[in-house]
Amino acid sequence: MIDTMIRDGDVALNRVAGSLGISVRSLQRTLADMGVTYTELLELALFERACRQLERTDRKIGEISRLLGYRDASNFSRAFQRWSGQPPRAWRKIRAGSSSRNRR
């Protein structure tokens, strides 16, 4: 559901809760019982989507950042570095190198 909402450009917690037919607080409690927060789920979905875009497309970093809802590439790059430990361009370069080695 979050992945679809990222594509739509609206990842608000209240939208998720409304789509599930529960209150925001109920959703937060349910997630807390599972040991996760909405922010953590959202960041995981953003990271996974970013990785797919970086690995499977030639889109520029700025375009990917806009697709994910970031206002600019620098905010996206900082978030990606926090998630992966490396900037998106470096991650893409490493993945491209490992992909070409696996094809041989």
C-alpha atoms as a PDB file:
ATOM      1  CA  MET A   1       0.000   0.000   0.000  1.00  0.00           C
ATOM      2  CA  ILE A   2       2.791   2.438   0.861  1.00  0.00           C
ATOM      3  CA  ASP A   3       4.538   1.733  -2.440  1.00  0.00           C
ATOM      4  CA  THR A   4       1.370   2.671  -4.326  1.00  0.00           C
ATOM      5  CA  MET A   5       1.033   5.822  -2.255  1.00  0.00           C
ATOM      6  CA  ILE A   6       4.615   6.810  -3.063  1.00  0.00           C
ATOM      7  CA  ARG A   7       3.713   6.654  -6.757  1.00  0.00           C
ATOM      8  CA  ASP A   8       0.636   8.800  -6.065  1.00  0.00           C
ATOM      9  CA  GLY A   9       2.749  11.328  -4.158  1.00  0.00           C
ATOM     10  CA  ASP A  10       0.749  11.160  -0.918  1.00  0.00           C
ATOM     11  CA  VAL A  11       2.300   9.098   1.860  1.00  0.00           C
ATOM     12  CA  ALA A  12       0.494  10.662   4.788  1.00  0.00           C
ATOM     13  CA  LEU A  13      -0.175   8.403   7.760  1.00  0.00           C
ATOM     14  CA  ASN A  14      -3.814   9.477   7.898  1.00  0.00           C
ATOM     15  CA  ARG A  15      -4.291   8.360   4.294  1.00  0.00           C
ATOM     16  CA  VAL A  16      -2.977   4.879   5.091  1.00  0.00           C
ATOM     17  CA  ALA A  17      -5.174   4.630   8.162  1.00  0.00           C
ATOM     18  CA  GLY A  18      -8.189   5.824   6.199  1.00  0.00           C
ATOM     19  CA  SER A  19      -7.520   3.301   3.439  1.00  0.00           C
ATOM     20  CA  LEU A  20      -7.443   0.576   6.074  1.00  0.00           C
ATOM     21  CA  GLY A  21     -10.617   1.883   7.695  1.00  0.00           C
ATOM     22  CA  ILE A  22      -9.009   2.535  11.069  1.00  0.00           C
ATOM     23  CA  SER A  23      -7.945   5.588  13.041  1.00  0.00           C
ATOM     24  CA  VAL A  24      -4.418   6.933  12.916  1.00  0.00           C
ATOM     25  CA  ARG A  25      -3.951   6.037  16.576  1.00  0.00           C
ATOM     26  CA  SER A  26      -5.135   2.448  16.003  1.00  0.00           C
ATOM     27  CA  LEU A  27      -2.673   2.082  13.146  1.00  0.00           C
ATOM     28  CA  GLN A  28       0.134   3.479  15.289  1.00  0.00           C
ATOM     29  CA  ARG A  29      -0.742   1.069  18.126  1.00  0.00           C
ATOM     30  CA  THR A  30      -0.878  -1.901  15.764  1.00  0.00           C
ATOM     31  CA  LEU A  31       2.485  -1.011  14.267  1.00  0.00           C
ATOM     32  CA  ALA A  32       3.982  -0.468  17.737  1.00  0.00           C
ATOM     33  CA  ASP A  33       2.765  -3.937  18.731  1.00  0.00           C
ATOM     34  CA  MET A  34       4.668  -5.246  15.715  1.00  0.00           C
ATOM     35  CA  GLY A  35       7.775  -3.332  16.810  1.00  0.00           C
ATOM     36  CA  VAL A  36       7.809  -0.877  13.915  1.00  0.00           C
ATOM     37  CA  THR A  37       6.767   2.698  13.211  1.00  0.00           C
ATOM     38  CA  TYR A  38       5.094   4.118  10.142  1.00  0.00           C
ATOM     39  CA  THR A  39       8.202   6.205   9.470  1.00  0.00           C
ATOM     40  CA  GLU A  40      10.347   3.068   9.465  1.00  0.00           C
ATOM     41  CA  LEU A  41       7.980   1.326   7.033  1.00  0.00           C
ATOM     42  CA  LEU A  42       7.881   4.385   4.805  1.00  0.00           C
ATOM     43  CA  GLU A  43      11.664   4.715   4.757  1.00  0.00           C
ATOM     44  CA  LEU A  44      12.056   1.026   3.938  1.00  0.00           C
ATOM     45  CA  ALA A  45       9.601   1.376   1.039  1.00  0.00           C
ATOM     46  CA  LEU A  46      11.388   4.502  -0.205  1.00  0.00           C
ATOM     47  CA  PHE A  47      14.770   2.789   0.031  1.00  0.00           C
ATOM     48  CA  GLU A  48      13.557  -0.297  -1.842  1.00  0.00           C
ATOM     49  CA  ARG A  49      11.952   1.832  -4.553  1.00  0.00           C
ATOM     50  CA  ALA A  50      15.104   3.974  -4.825  1.00  0.00           C
ATOM     51  CA  CYS A  51      17.251   0.861  -5.210  1.00  0.00           C
ATOM     52  CA  ARG A  52      15.018  -0.466  -7.981  1.00  0.00           C
ATOM     53  CA  GLN A  53      15.170   2.871  -9.800  1.00  0.00           C
ATOM     54  CA  LEU A  54      18.936   3.130  -9.456  1.00  0.00           C
ATOM     55  CA  GLU A  55      19.526  -0.452 -10.530  1.00  0.00           C
ATOM     56  CA  ARG A  56      16.977  -0.857 -13.313  1.00  0.00           C
ATOM     57  CA  THR A  57      16.869   2.571 -14.940  1.00  0.00           C
ATOM     58  CA  ASP A  58      19.223   5.204 -16.281  1.00  0.00           C
ATOM     59  CA  ARG A  59      17.188   7.992 -14.682  1.00  0.00           C
ATOM     60  CA  LYS A  60      19.149  10.842 -13.198  1.00  0.00           C
ATOM     61  CA  ILE A  61      19.339  11.144  -9.424  1.00  0.00           C
ATOM     62  CA  GLY A  62      17.225  14.319  -9.521  1.00  0.00           C
ATOM     63  CA  GLU A  63      14.469  12.550 -11.430  1.00  0.00           C
ATOM     64  CA  ILE A  64      14.483   9.611  -9.021  1.00  0.00           C
ATOM     65  CA  SER A  65      14.336  11.999  -6.071  1.00  0.00           C
ATOM     66  CA  ARG A  66      11.247  13.693  -7.559  1.00  0.00           C
ATOM     67  CA  LEU A  67       9.602  10.322  -8.244  1.00  0.00           C
ATOM     68  CA  LEU A  68      10.055   9.476  -4.580  1.00  0.00           C
ATOM     69  CA  GLY A  69       8.603  12.770  -3.415  1.00  0.00           C
ATOM     70  CA  TYR A  70      11.780  14.623  -2.426  1.00  0.00           C
ATOM     71  CA  ARG A  71      11.964  18.340  -3.106  1.00  0.00           C
ATOM     72  CA  ASP A  72      15.518  18.111  -4.364  1.00  0.00           C
ATOM     73  CA  ALA A  73      18.256  15.620  -5.096  1.00  0.00           C
ATOM     74  CA  SER A  74      20.375  16.624  -2.099  1.00  0.00           C
ATOM     75  CA  ASN A  75      17.643  15.639   0.383  1.00  0.00           C
ATOM     76  CA  PHE A  76      17.228  12.307  -1.393  1.00  0.00           C
ATOM     77  CA  SER A  77      21.000  11.755  -1.491  1.00  0.00           C
ATOM     78  CA  ARG A  78      21.304  12.385   2.250  1.00  0.00           C
ATOM     79  CA  ALA A  79      18.455   9.960   2.982  1.00  0.00           C
ATOM     80  CA  PHE A  80      19.926   7.313   0.681  1.00  0.00           C
ATOM     81  CA  GLN A  81      23.324   7.683   2.329  1.00  0.00           C
ATOM     82  CA  ARG A  82      21.679   7.225   5.742  1.00  0.00           C
ATOM     83  CA  TRP A  83      19.886   4.073   4.528  1.00  0.00           C
ATOM     84  CA  SER A  84      22.712   2.425   2.597  1.00  0.00           C
ATOM     85  CA  GLY A  85      25.897   3.974   3.912  1.00  0.00           C
ATOM     86  CA  GLN A  86      26.786   5.372   0.494  1.00  0.00           C
ATOM     87  CA  PRO A  87      25.560   8.042  -1.892  1.00  0.00           C
ATOM     88  CA  PRO A  88      23.166   6.917  -4.637  1.00  0.00           C
ATOM     89  CA  ARG A  89      25.685   7.416  -7.463  1.00  0.00           C
ATOM     90  CA  ALA A  90      28.262   5.242  -5.690  1.00  0.00           C
ATOM     91  CA  TRP A  91      25.640   2.604  -4.915  1.00  0.00           C
ATOM     92  CA  ARG A  92      24.547   2.558  -8.568  1.00  0.00           C
ATOM     93  CA  LYS A  93      28.153   2.267  -9.782  1.00  0.00           C
ATOM     94  CA  ILE A  94      28.897  -0.625  -7.420  1.00  0.00           C
ATOM     95  CA  ARG A  95      25.679  -2.432  -8.401  1.00  0.00           C
ATOM     96  CA  ALA A  96      26.382  -1.912 -12.093  1.00  0.00           C
ATOM     97  CA  GLY A  97      29.847  -3.388 -11.621  1.00  0.00           C
ATOM     98  CA  SER A  98      28.575  -6.427  -9.733  1.00  0.00           C
ATOM     99  CA  SER A  99      25.797  -6.979 -12.301  1.00  0.00           C
ATOM    100  CA  SER A 100      28.231  -7.012 -15.205  1.00  0.00           C
ATOM    101  CA  ARG A 101      30.532  -9.447 -13.332  1.00  0.00           C
ATOM    102  CA  ASN A 102      27.576 -11.770 -12.649  1.00  0.00           C
ATOM    103  CA  ARG A 103      26.689 -11.855 -16.353  1.00  0.00           C
ATOM    104  CA  ARG A 104      30.094 -13.210 -17.402  1.00  0.00           C
END
